[in-house]
């Protein structure tokens, strides 16, 4: 029998685990994670302090106590690799804010914020204290088309100038469109220009075929891997920007498939160096919560990184969703507009957020694999809120809610009743004027 709203909340309270800020809050969650090698930690928005804080806290324990080797995030590969060099004591950056300096594309606050800065500082210190057991920091996303092509050429200039010339000639195909990859996608998809697909594929194949030779050159295997991943990104981004004009679903699938390919490449590279890989992934719930358990998958035909990771490593993957009921968030009104501190409305009636609010705890986590009647009830469909870098409360039901089966999307759920906006490192990216607080009734 389906539980009613009134009796499910007390049942969930009985099986919930409080999150109080105590050092042992995560003990039970670590036990539930067990021997998983891939721990995917989501977020219900890209601008919530508590989400960043808690996944950083859990990640520190996974690195220190479980030997995790890398953090892979929803960020562009070359931007994150500058951070990777910093946390390994390489490069010229003297601080975490400097190392995060390549995150200049909208939305800067997503990675250039205080919580990420604190974590990057911690990770550098950890690596200094544990030589031979360092953890890296990598990006999984594919928006950096032009930056990645430049990185490929720069690498080849240092190891093989003739090969750099070939790469420069291949990638010159993109020069007709300036720095706007969407202009490239539009022009090639509608037949105004020939696509650069063959050139991007050829460059990736050349780097792959010469890996054994170049990886033993003066820059070493890590730098060759960095260049090869940039070439892979250029190939997939070329496809992505053309697919944008064929529809959201196809471009979404290309993007998340690229993330999965990058995760697999990280595993192969690390294990090729003789070290078993255990990776924490940071990304939005929409990328990490198994798409097969939401209308993203069953209505729109979209897949995502969480689904692909479960399919590739079914016994080694553990997915954690994060959620909140109300508070504030750093977000924009529209793409490329200034960041604002925006008021998050209370969760809609019948939603996962409203149900968790009824539990009556400031913060808790649920083991969705526990096999009890309360959490099993979360396998039924209900609304779930997803806030990205844009938040439009005036159209929230249609802009931000999706039907899901939460206990099938995630293995655990972390919930914070009231949350606060993340603090950007850049004054001009963080607050273009606070909103007036919501005047709508809260509604219990």
Protein backbone atom coordinates (compact mmCIF):
# COMPACT_ATOMS: atom_id res chain seq x y z
CA UNK A 1 0.00 0.00 0.00
CA UNK A 2 1.28 3.48 -0.85
CA UNK A 3 2.10 5.49 2.25
CA UNK A 4 0.40 8.84 2.68
CA UNK A 5 2.38 12.01 3.20
CA UNK A 6 1.41 12.15 6.87
CA UNK A 7 2.79 8.75 7.86
CA UNK A 8 5.86 8.60 5.59
CA UNK A 9 7.65 11.55 7.22
CA UNK A 10 7.68 10.00 10.73
CA UNK A 11 8.82 6.70 9.24
CA UNK A 12 11.71 8.45 7.49
CA UNK A 13 12.58 10.27 10.70
CA UNK A 14 12.90 6.91 12.46
CA UNK A 15 15.52 5.68 9.96
CA UNK A 16 17.31 9.00 9.34
CA UNK A 17 20.82 9.78 10.55
CA UNK A 18 21.27 13.34 11.90
CA UNK A 19 23.83 15.70 10.39
CA UNK A 20 24.86 17.95 13.25
CA UNK A 21 28.34 19.03 12.20
CA UNK A 22 29.97 16.53 14.56
CA UNK A 23 33.15 14.78 13.41
CA UNK A 24 31.42 11.39 13.40
CA UNK A 25 28.41 12.47 11.30
CA UNK A 26 29.77 10.59 8.29
CA UNK A 27 30.78 7.37 10.06
CA UNK A 28 27.62 5.52 9.06
CA UNK A 29 27.76 6.89 5.53
CA UNK A 30 31.36 5.70 5.11
CA UNK A 31 30.27 2.28 6.32
CA UNK A 32 27.46 2.28 3.77
CA UNK A 33 29.90 3.29 0.99
CA UNK A 34 32.00 0.29 1.91
CA UNK A 35 34.53 -0.72 -0.76
CA UNK A 36 33.04 1.36 -3.58
CA UNK A 37 35.72 2.78 -5.88
CA UNK A 38 33.54 5.49 -7.39
CA UNK A 39 31.67 7.79 -5.02
CA UNK A 40 29.52 10.29 -6.90
CA UNK A 41 28.46 13.24 -4.73
CA UNK A 42 25.80 15.45 -6.23
CA UNK A 43 24.23 18.81 -5.48
CA UNK A 44 20.74 20.22 -5.99
CA UNK A 45 22.18 23.57 -7.12
CA UNK A 46 25.48 25.01 -8.32
CA UNK A 47 25.47 27.74 -5.68
CA UNK A 48 24.77 26.28 -2.22
CA UNK A 49 27.40 26.52 0.51
CA UNK A 50 26.25 23.46 2.47
CA UNK A 51 26.47 21.22 -0.58
CA UNK A 52 30.05 22.26 -1.33
CA UNK A 53 31.02 22.07 2.35
CA UNK A 54 29.62 18.60 2.94
CA UNK A 55 30.98 16.96 -0.17
CA UNK A 56 34.41 18.47 0.57
CA UNK A 57 34.23 17.14 4.11
CA UNK A 58 33.25 13.66 2.97
CA UNK A 59 35.86 13.72 0.20
CA UNK A 60 38.61 14.55 2.71
CA UNK A 61 37.69 11.44 4.70
CA UNK A 62 37.57 9.27 1.58
CA UNK A 63 41.06 10.44 0.61
CA UNK A 64 42.54 10.16 4.10
CA UNK A 65 40.82 7.00 5.33
CA UNK A 66 39.93 5.09 2.17
CA UNK A 67 42.84 5.95 -0.10
CA UNK A 68 40.90 7.72 -2.85
CA UNK A 69 43.22 8.91 -5.59
CA UNK A 70 41.36 11.67 -7.44
CA UNK A 71 38.55 14.18 -7.41
CA UNK A 72 36.84 14.58 -10.80
CA UNK A 73 34.49 17.54 -11.11
CA UNK A 74 31.93 19.03 -13.48
CA UNK A 75 34.46 21.50 -14.88
CA UNK A 76 36.53 21.96 -18.00
CA UNK A 77 39.61 19.77 -18.31
CA UNK A 78 42.32 22.44 -18.86
CA UNK A 79 40.96 24.75 -16.13
CA UNK A 80 40.91 21.95 -13.57
CA UNK A 81 44.32 20.64 -14.63
CA UNK A 82 45.90 23.89 -13.51
CA UNK A 83 44.48 23.08 -10.06
CA UNK A 84 45.83 19.54 -10.38
CA UNK A 85 49.32 20.90 -10.93
CA UNK A 86 48.97 23.17 -7.89
CA UNK A 87 47.79 20.43 -5.50
CA UNK A 88 50.73 18.29 -6.65
CA UNK A 89 53.22 21.09 -5.96
CA UNK A 90 53.79 21.81 -9.65
CA UNK A 91 53.25 24.94 -11.70
CA UNK A 92 53.80 28.54 -10.66
CA UNK A 93 50.66 29.29 -8.62
CA UNK A 94 51.27 30.25 -5.02
CA UNK A 95 47.73 29.95 -3.68
CA UNK A 96 44.42 28.23 -4.30
CA UNK A 97 42.76 31.40 -5.69
CA UNK A 98 45.60 31.70 -8.20
CA UNK A 99 45.31 28.03 -9.15
CA UNK A 100 41.58 28.53 -9.74
CA UNK A 101 42.38 31.48 -11.98
CA UNK A 102 41.47 29.80 -15.27
CA UNK A 103 37.83 29.46 -14.22
CA UNK A 104 36.78 32.67 -15.98
CA UNK A 105 33.96 31.35 -18.15
CA UNK A 106 30.40 31.77 -16.82
CA UNK A 107 29.60 30.75 -14.12
CA UNK A 108 32.84 31.69 -12.36
CA UNK A 109 31.40 31.23 -8.88
CA UNK A 110 30.74 27.54 -9.51
CA UNK A 111 34.41 26.75 -8.88
CA UNK A 112 35.88 30.10 -7.86
CA UNK A 113 34.26 30.16 -4.43
CA UNK A 114 35.47 30.01 -0.84
CA UNK A 115 34.51 26.37 -0.25
CA UNK A 116 36.43 25.09 -3.28
CA UNK A 117 39.38 27.31 -2.35
CA UNK A 118 39.52 25.82 1.15
CA UNK A 119 39.37 22.29 -0.26
CA UNK A 120 42.12 22.95 -2.81
CA UNK A 121 44.34 24.32 -0.05
CA UNK A 122 43.64 21.22 2.04
CA UNK A 123 44.37 18.89 -0.87
CA UNK A 124 47.75 20.49 -1.53
CA UNK A 125 48.63 20.12 2.14
CA UNK A 126 47.50 16.50 2.16
CA UNK A 127 49.63 15.70 -0.87
CA UNK A 128 52.66 17.35 0.71
CA UNK A 129 52.18 15.24 3.83
CA UNK A 130 51.66 11.98 1.91
CA UNK A 131 54.18 11.65 -0.93
CA UNK A 132 53.34 8.64 -3.05
CA UNK A 133 49.68 8.77 -2.01
CA UNK A 134 48.72 12.06 -3.63
CA UNK A 135 45.22 12.72 -4.94
CA UNK A 136 44.62 14.66 -8.16
CA UNK A 137 41.98 17.15 -9.25
CA UNK A 138 40.49 16.83 -12.74
CA UNK A 139 37.71 18.24 -14.92
CA UNK A 140 35.16 16.12 -16.78
CA UNK A 141 33.35 18.67 -18.93
CA UNK A 142 33.76 19.67 -22.58
CA UNK A 143 33.04 23.37 -23.02
CA UNK A 144 36.69 24.42 -23.50
CA UNK A 145 36.95 23.73 -27.24
CA UNK A 146 39.35 26.53 -28.18
CA UNK A 147 41.36 26.43 -24.97
CA UNK A 148 41.90 22.70 -25.41
CA UNK A 149 43.09 23.01 -29.00
CA UNK A 150 45.63 25.63 -27.88
CA UNK A 151 46.84 23.32 -25.11
CA UNK A 152 47.40 20.50 -27.61
CA UNK A 153 49.50 22.78 -29.83
CA UNK A 154 51.46 24.12 -26.85
CA UNK A 155 52.31 20.60 -25.68
CA UNK A 156 53.47 19.56 -29.14
CA UNK A 157 55.57 22.71 -29.54
CA UNK A 158 57.59 21.47 -26.57
CA UNK A 159 58.00 17.85 -27.71
CA UNK A 160 57.72 17.88 -31.52
CA UNK A 161 57.45 21.23 -33.38
CA UNK A 162 56.62 19.51 -36.67
CA UNK A 163 53.68 17.73 -35.03
CA UNK A 164 52.65 21.07 -33.55
CA UNK A 165 52.49 22.49 -37.06
CA UNK A 166 50.19 19.68 -38.16
CA UNK A 167 47.97 20.23 -35.15
CA UNK A 168 47.83 23.98 -35.76
CA UNK A 169 46.82 23.39 -39.39
CA UNK A 170 44.09 20.92 -38.37
CA UNK A 171 42.65 23.14 -35.69
CA UNK A 172 42.76 26.21 -37.96
CA UNK A 173 39.47 24.87 -39.27
CA UNK A 174 37.85 26.37 -36.15
CA UNK A 175 39.43 29.80 -36.69
CA UNK A 176 36.70 30.90 -39.10
CA UNK A 177 34.28 31.17 -36.19
CA UNK A 178 36.31 33.15 -33.68
CA UNK A 179 36.05 32.10 -30.04
CA UNK A 180 32.34 31.31 -30.18
CA UNK A 181 31.82 27.55 -30.51
CA UNK A 182 28.07 28.02 -30.86
CA UNK A 183 28.70 30.01 -34.03
CA UNK A 184 30.69 27.03 -35.28
CA UNK A 185 27.84 24.67 -34.43
CA UNK A 186 25.25 26.82 -36.18
CA UNK A 187 27.28 27.38 -39.34
CA UNK A 188 28.26 23.74 -39.79
CA UNK A 189 24.94 22.19 -38.83
CA UNK A 190 23.05 24.36 -41.31
CA UNK A 191 25.48 23.77 -44.15
CA UNK A 192 27.19 27.15 -44.27
CA UNK A 193 30.60 25.61 -43.49
CA UNK A 194 32.08 22.15 -43.59
CA UNK A 195 32.47 20.66 -40.08
CA UNK A 196 35.90 20.23 -38.52
CA UNK A 197 35.15 16.70 -37.33
CA UNK A 198 37.73 14.93 -39.50
CA UNK A 199 40.50 17.31 -38.40
CA UNK A 200 39.68 16.87 -34.70
CA UNK A 201 39.54 13.08 -35.01
CA UNK A 202 42.83 12.97 -36.92
CA UNK A 203 44.61 14.97 -34.23
CA UNK A 204 43.35 12.73 -31.44
CA UNK A 205 44.38 9.60 -33.35
CA UNK A 206 47.88 10.94 -33.94
CA UNK A 207 48.38 11.62 -30.23
CA UNK A 208 47.04 8.20 -29.33
CA UNK A 209 49.23 6.42 -31.86
CA UNK A 210 52.34 8.23 -30.61
CA UNK A 211 51.62 7.83 -26.90
CA UNK A 212 54.37 5.29 -26.24
CA UNK A 213 56.89 7.54 -27.96
CA UNK A 214 55.86 10.95 -26.63
CA UNK A 215 54.94 9.90 -23.09
CA UNK A 216 58.60 9.04 -22.51
CA UNK A 217 59.73 12.43 -23.78
CA UNK A 218 60.94 15.42 -21.75
CA UNK A 219 57.50 16.34 -20.35
CA UNK A 220 56.56 12.85 -19.22
CA UNK A 221 53.43 10.70 -19.29
CA UNK A 222 51.17 13.00 -17.27
CA UNK A 223 51.61 15.89 -19.68
CA UNK A 224 51.00 13.64 -22.66
CA UNK A 225 47.84 12.40 -20.97
CA UNK A 226 46.80 16.03 -20.41
CA UNK A 227 47.30 16.79 -24.11
CA UNK A 228 45.54 13.64 -25.28
CA UNK A 229 42.53 14.45 -23.11
CA UNK A 230 42.43 17.93 -24.58
CA UNK A 231 42.37 16.40 -28.04
CA UNK A 232 39.58 14.04 -27.01
CA UNK A 233 37.68 17.01 -25.62
CA UNK A 234 38.09 18.93 -28.89
CA UNK A 235 36.69 15.99 -30.84
CA UNK A 236 33.70 15.56 -28.55
CA UNK A 237 33.07 19.31 -28.18
CA UNK A 238 33.01 19.68 -31.95
CA UNK A 239 30.22 17.10 -32.04
CA UNK A 240 28.47 18.65 -29.04
CA UNK A 241 28.23 22.15 -30.49
CA UNK A 242 26.77 20.83 -33.74
CA UNK A 243 24.30 18.68 -31.81
CA UNK A 244 23.08 21.74 -29.88
CA UNK A 245 21.11 22.72 -32.95
CA UNK A 246 19.55 19.30 -33.30
CA UNK A 247 18.02 19.29 -29.81
CA UNK A 248 18.79 19.26 -26.09
CA UNK A 249 18.58 15.50 -25.63
CA UNK A 250 21.28 14.61 -28.14
CA UNK A 251 23.71 17.28 -26.93
CA UNK A 252 23.10 16.30 -23.29
CA UNK A 253 23.94 12.68 -24.09
CA UNK A 254 27.13 13.67 -25.91
CA UNK A 255 28.21 15.77 -22.93
CA UNK A 256 27.59 13.11 -20.29
CA UNK A 257 29.10 10.38 -22.44
CA UNK A 258 32.23 12.55 -22.68
CA UNK A 259 32.29 12.82 -18.89
CA UNK A 260 32.08 9.04 -18.61
CA UNK A 261 34.87 8.61 -21.18
CA UNK A 262 37.05 11.03 -19.23
CA UNK A 263 36.40 9.16 -15.98
CA UNK A 264 37.37 5.90 -17.66
CA UNK A 265 40.50 7.52 -19.12
CA UNK A 266 41.51 8.69 -15.63
CA UNK A 267 41.18 5.13 -14.37
CA UNK A 268 43.22 3.68 -17.23
CA UNK A 269 45.94 6.31 -16.88
CA UNK A 270 46.28 5.87 -13.13
CA UNK A 271 46.25 2.10 -13.27
CA UNK A 272 48.76 2.23 -16.11
CA UNK A 273 51.09 3.89 -13.61
CA UNK A 274 50.61 0.98 -11.24
CA UNK A 275 48.17 2.55 -8.77
CA UNK A 276 44.58 1.28 -8.36
CA UNK A 277 42.16 4.16 -8.83
CA UNK A 278 39.39 5.28 -6.49
CA UNK A 279 37.67 8.46 -7.62
CA UNK A 280 35.24 10.94 -6.05
CA UNK A 281 33.04 12.75 -8.56
CA UNK A 282 31.48 16.16 -7.89
CA UNK A 283 28.64 17.21 -10.20
CA UNK A 284 25.00 18.23 -10.19
CA UNK A 285 22.32 15.73 -9.16
CA UNK A 286 21.05 15.82 -12.75
CA UNK A 287 24.37 14.38 -13.95
CA UNK A 288 24.97 11.92 -11.11
CA UNK A 289 21.51 10.67 -10.12
CA UNK A 290 20.83 7.67 -12.36
CA UNK A 291 18.85 9.06 -15.33
CA UNK A 292 16.93 5.80 -15.69
CA UNK A 293 15.09 6.74 -12.47
CA UNK A 294 13.86 10.14 -13.69
CA UNK A 295 11.79 11.48 -16.53
CA UNK A 296 15.08 12.61 -18.06
CA UNK A 297 15.52 8.98 -19.01
CA UNK A 298 12.07 7.50 -19.31
CA UNK A 299 10.49 10.43 -21.22
CA UNK A 300 13.31 12.33 -22.88
CA UNK A 301 15.72 9.52 -23.66
CA UNK A 302 18.59 11.19 -21.82
CA UNK A 303 21.37 9.28 -20.13
CA UNK A 304 23.87 10.67 -17.64
CA UNK A 305 27.17 10.10 -15.91
CA UNK A 306 25.60 8.35 -12.92
CA UNK A 307 23.84 5.84 -15.14
CA UNK A 308 26.93 5.21 -17.25
CA UNK A 309 29.14 4.75 -14.18
CA UNK A 310 26.71 2.27 -12.66
CA UNK A 311 26.58 0.37 -15.94
CA UNK A 312 30.38 0.31 -16.30
CA UNK A 313 31.17 -0.45 -12.64
CA UNK A 314 27.90 -1.78 -11.14
CA UNK A 315 29.42 -3.16 -7.93
CA UNK A 316 31.84 -0.29 -7.34
CA UNK A 317 29.60 2.78 -7.69
CA UNK A 318 27.91 4.68 -4.85
CA UNK A 319 25.77 7.75 -5.65
CA UNK A 320 24.88 10.43 -3.10
CA UNK A 321 22.18 13.00 -3.83
CA UNK A 322 21.93 16.31 -1.93
CA UNK A 323 18.77 18.29 -1.30
CA UNK A 324 17.32 21.32 0.52
CA UNK A 325 13.91 22.81 1.25
CA UNK A 326 14.55 26.57 1.41
CA UNK A 327 17.21 29.22 1.95
CA UNK A 328 19.40 31.24 -0.41
CA UNK A 329 21.48 30.33 -3.45
CA UNK A 330 24.04 32.02 -5.68
CA UNK A 331 22.55 31.92 -9.19
CA UNK A 332 21.74 34.06 -12.22
CA UNK A 333 18.50 35.10 -13.87
CA UNK A 334 19.80 33.97 -17.25
CA UNK A 335 22.93 32.70 -18.96
CA UNK A 336 25.93 35.06 -18.77
CA UNK A 337 24.10 37.46 -16.44
CA UNK A 338 25.55 38.55 -13.08
CA UNK A 339 25.34 36.23 -10.11
CA UNK A 340 22.86 37.14 -7.43
CA UNK A 341 21.95 35.93 -3.98
CA UNK A 342 18.49 34.55 -4.65
CA UNK A 343 15.85 33.30 -2.24
CA UNK A 344 15.05 29.59 -2.66
CA UNK A 345 11.33 29.00 -2.30
CA UNK A 346 10.07 26.24 0.00
CA UNK A 347 9.71 22.90 -1.76
CA UNK A 348 6.44 22.33 -3.60
CA UNK A 349 3.81 20.19 -1.93
CA UNK A 350 4.27 16.56 -2.89
CA UNK A 351 7.95 17.00 -3.72
CA UNK A 352 10.92 15.20 -2.22
CA UNK A 353 11.96 18.51 -0.67
CA UNK A 354 8.60 19.03 1.04
CA UNK A 355 8.63 15.46 2.35
CA UNK A 356 12.11 15.85 3.81
CA UNK A 357 11.03 19.13 5.41
CA UNK A 358 8.22 17.24 7.16
CA UNK A 359 10.79 14.94 8.75
CA UNK A 360 11.49 17.88 11.03
CA UNK A 361 15.29 17.72 11.25
CA UNK A 362 17.73 20.50 10.35
CA UNK A 363 19.93 18.00 8.50
CA UNK A 364 20.08 14.24 8.03
CA UNK A 365 21.07 11.51 5.63
CA UNK A 366 19.14 8.45 4.48
CA UNK A 367 20.56 5.09 3.45
CA UNK A 368 18.41 4.36 0.41
CA UNK A 369 19.79 0.82 0.13
CA UNK A 370 18.79 -0.11 3.68
CA UNK A 371 15.78 -2.12 2.54
CA UNK A 372 13.27 -0.69 5.01
CA UNK A 373 9.67 0.24 4.21
CA UNK A 374 10.26 3.98 4.65
CA UNK A 375 13.12 4.37 2.19
CA UNK A 376 11.58 1.82 -0.19
CA UNK A 377 8.62 4.21 -0.45
CA UNK A 378 11.01 6.65 -2.10
CA UNK A 379 11.08 4.33 -5.12
CA UNK A 380 7.70 5.78 -6.03
CA UNK A 381 7.55 8.78 -8.36
CA UNK A 382 7.61 12.27 -6.87
CA UNK A 383 8.75 15.73 -7.88
CA UNK A 384 12.38 16.66 -7.22
CA UNK A 385 13.93 20.13 -7.63
CA UNK A 386 17.02 20.83 -9.73
CA UNK A 387 18.58 24.33 -9.65
CA UNK A 388 21.58 24.88 -11.89
CA UNK A 389 23.43 28.15 -12.40
CA UNK A 390 20.12 29.77 -13.36
CA UNK A 391 17.20 29.96 -10.91
CA UNK A 392 13.79 31.21 -12.00
CA UNK A 393 11.48 30.98 -8.99
CA UNK A 394 8.61 32.61 -10.88
CA UNK A 395 8.40 29.55 -13.17
CA UNK A 396 9.87 27.08 -10.71
CA UNK A 397 7.47 24.17 -11.26
CA UNK A 398 8.27 23.99 -14.96
CA UNK A 399 11.82 25.31 -14.86
CA UNK A 400 13.25 23.25 -12.01
CA UNK A 401 11.12 20.23 -11.06
CA UNK A 402 11.33 16.76 -12.56
CA UNK A 403 9.51 13.53 -11.73
CA UNK A 404 11.96 11.01 -10.22
CA UNK A 405 12.20 7.84 -8.17
CA UNK A 406 14.74 9.08 -5.60
CA UNK A 407 15.70 5.74 -4.06
CA UNK A 408 16.53 4.41 -7.54
CA UNK A 409 18.49 7.53 -8.50
CA UNK A 410 20.74 7.52 -5.43
CA UNK A 411 22.22 5.14 -2.89
CA UNK A 412 22.06 7.80 -0.16
CA UNK A 413 20.44 11.20 0.25
CA UNK A 414 21.87 14.09 2.28
CA UNK A 415 19.32 16.73 3.23
CA UNK A 416 19.67 20.22 4.74
CA UNK A 417 16.43 21.97 5.57
CA UNK A 418 17.74 25.53 5.21
CA UNK A 419 20.80 26.35 3.14
CA UNK A 420 22.82 29.44 2.26
CA UNK A 421 24.41 30.89 -0.86
CA UNK A 422 27.97 29.98 -1.73
CA UNK A 423 30.45 32.88 -1.42
CA UNK A 424 32.30 33.65 -4.69
CA UNK A 425 35.97 34.61 -4.69
CA UNK A 426 35.24 37.45 -7.12
CA UNK A 427 33.20 40.41 -5.97
CA UNK A 428 31.90 41.07 -9.48
CA UNK A 429 30.73 37.47 -9.87
CA UNK A 430 28.98 37.10 -6.59
CA UNK A 431 26.30 39.67 -5.96
CA UNK A 432 24.65 42.06 -8.34
CA UNK A 433 22.08 43.03 -5.71
CA UNK A 434 20.14 40.84 -3.34
CA UNK A 435 16.53 40.04 -4.09
CA UNK A 436 13.72 41.13 -1.86
CA UNK A 437 12.74 38.09 0.27
CA UNK A 438 9.87 36.01 -1.09
CA UNK A 439 6.44 37.30 -0.19
CA UNK A 440 4.71 34.05 -1.00
CA UNK A 441 3.31 32.11 1.93
CA UNK A 442 5.53 29.29 3.09
CA UNK A 443 2.81 26.63 3.18
CA UNK A 444 3.43 23.61 5.34
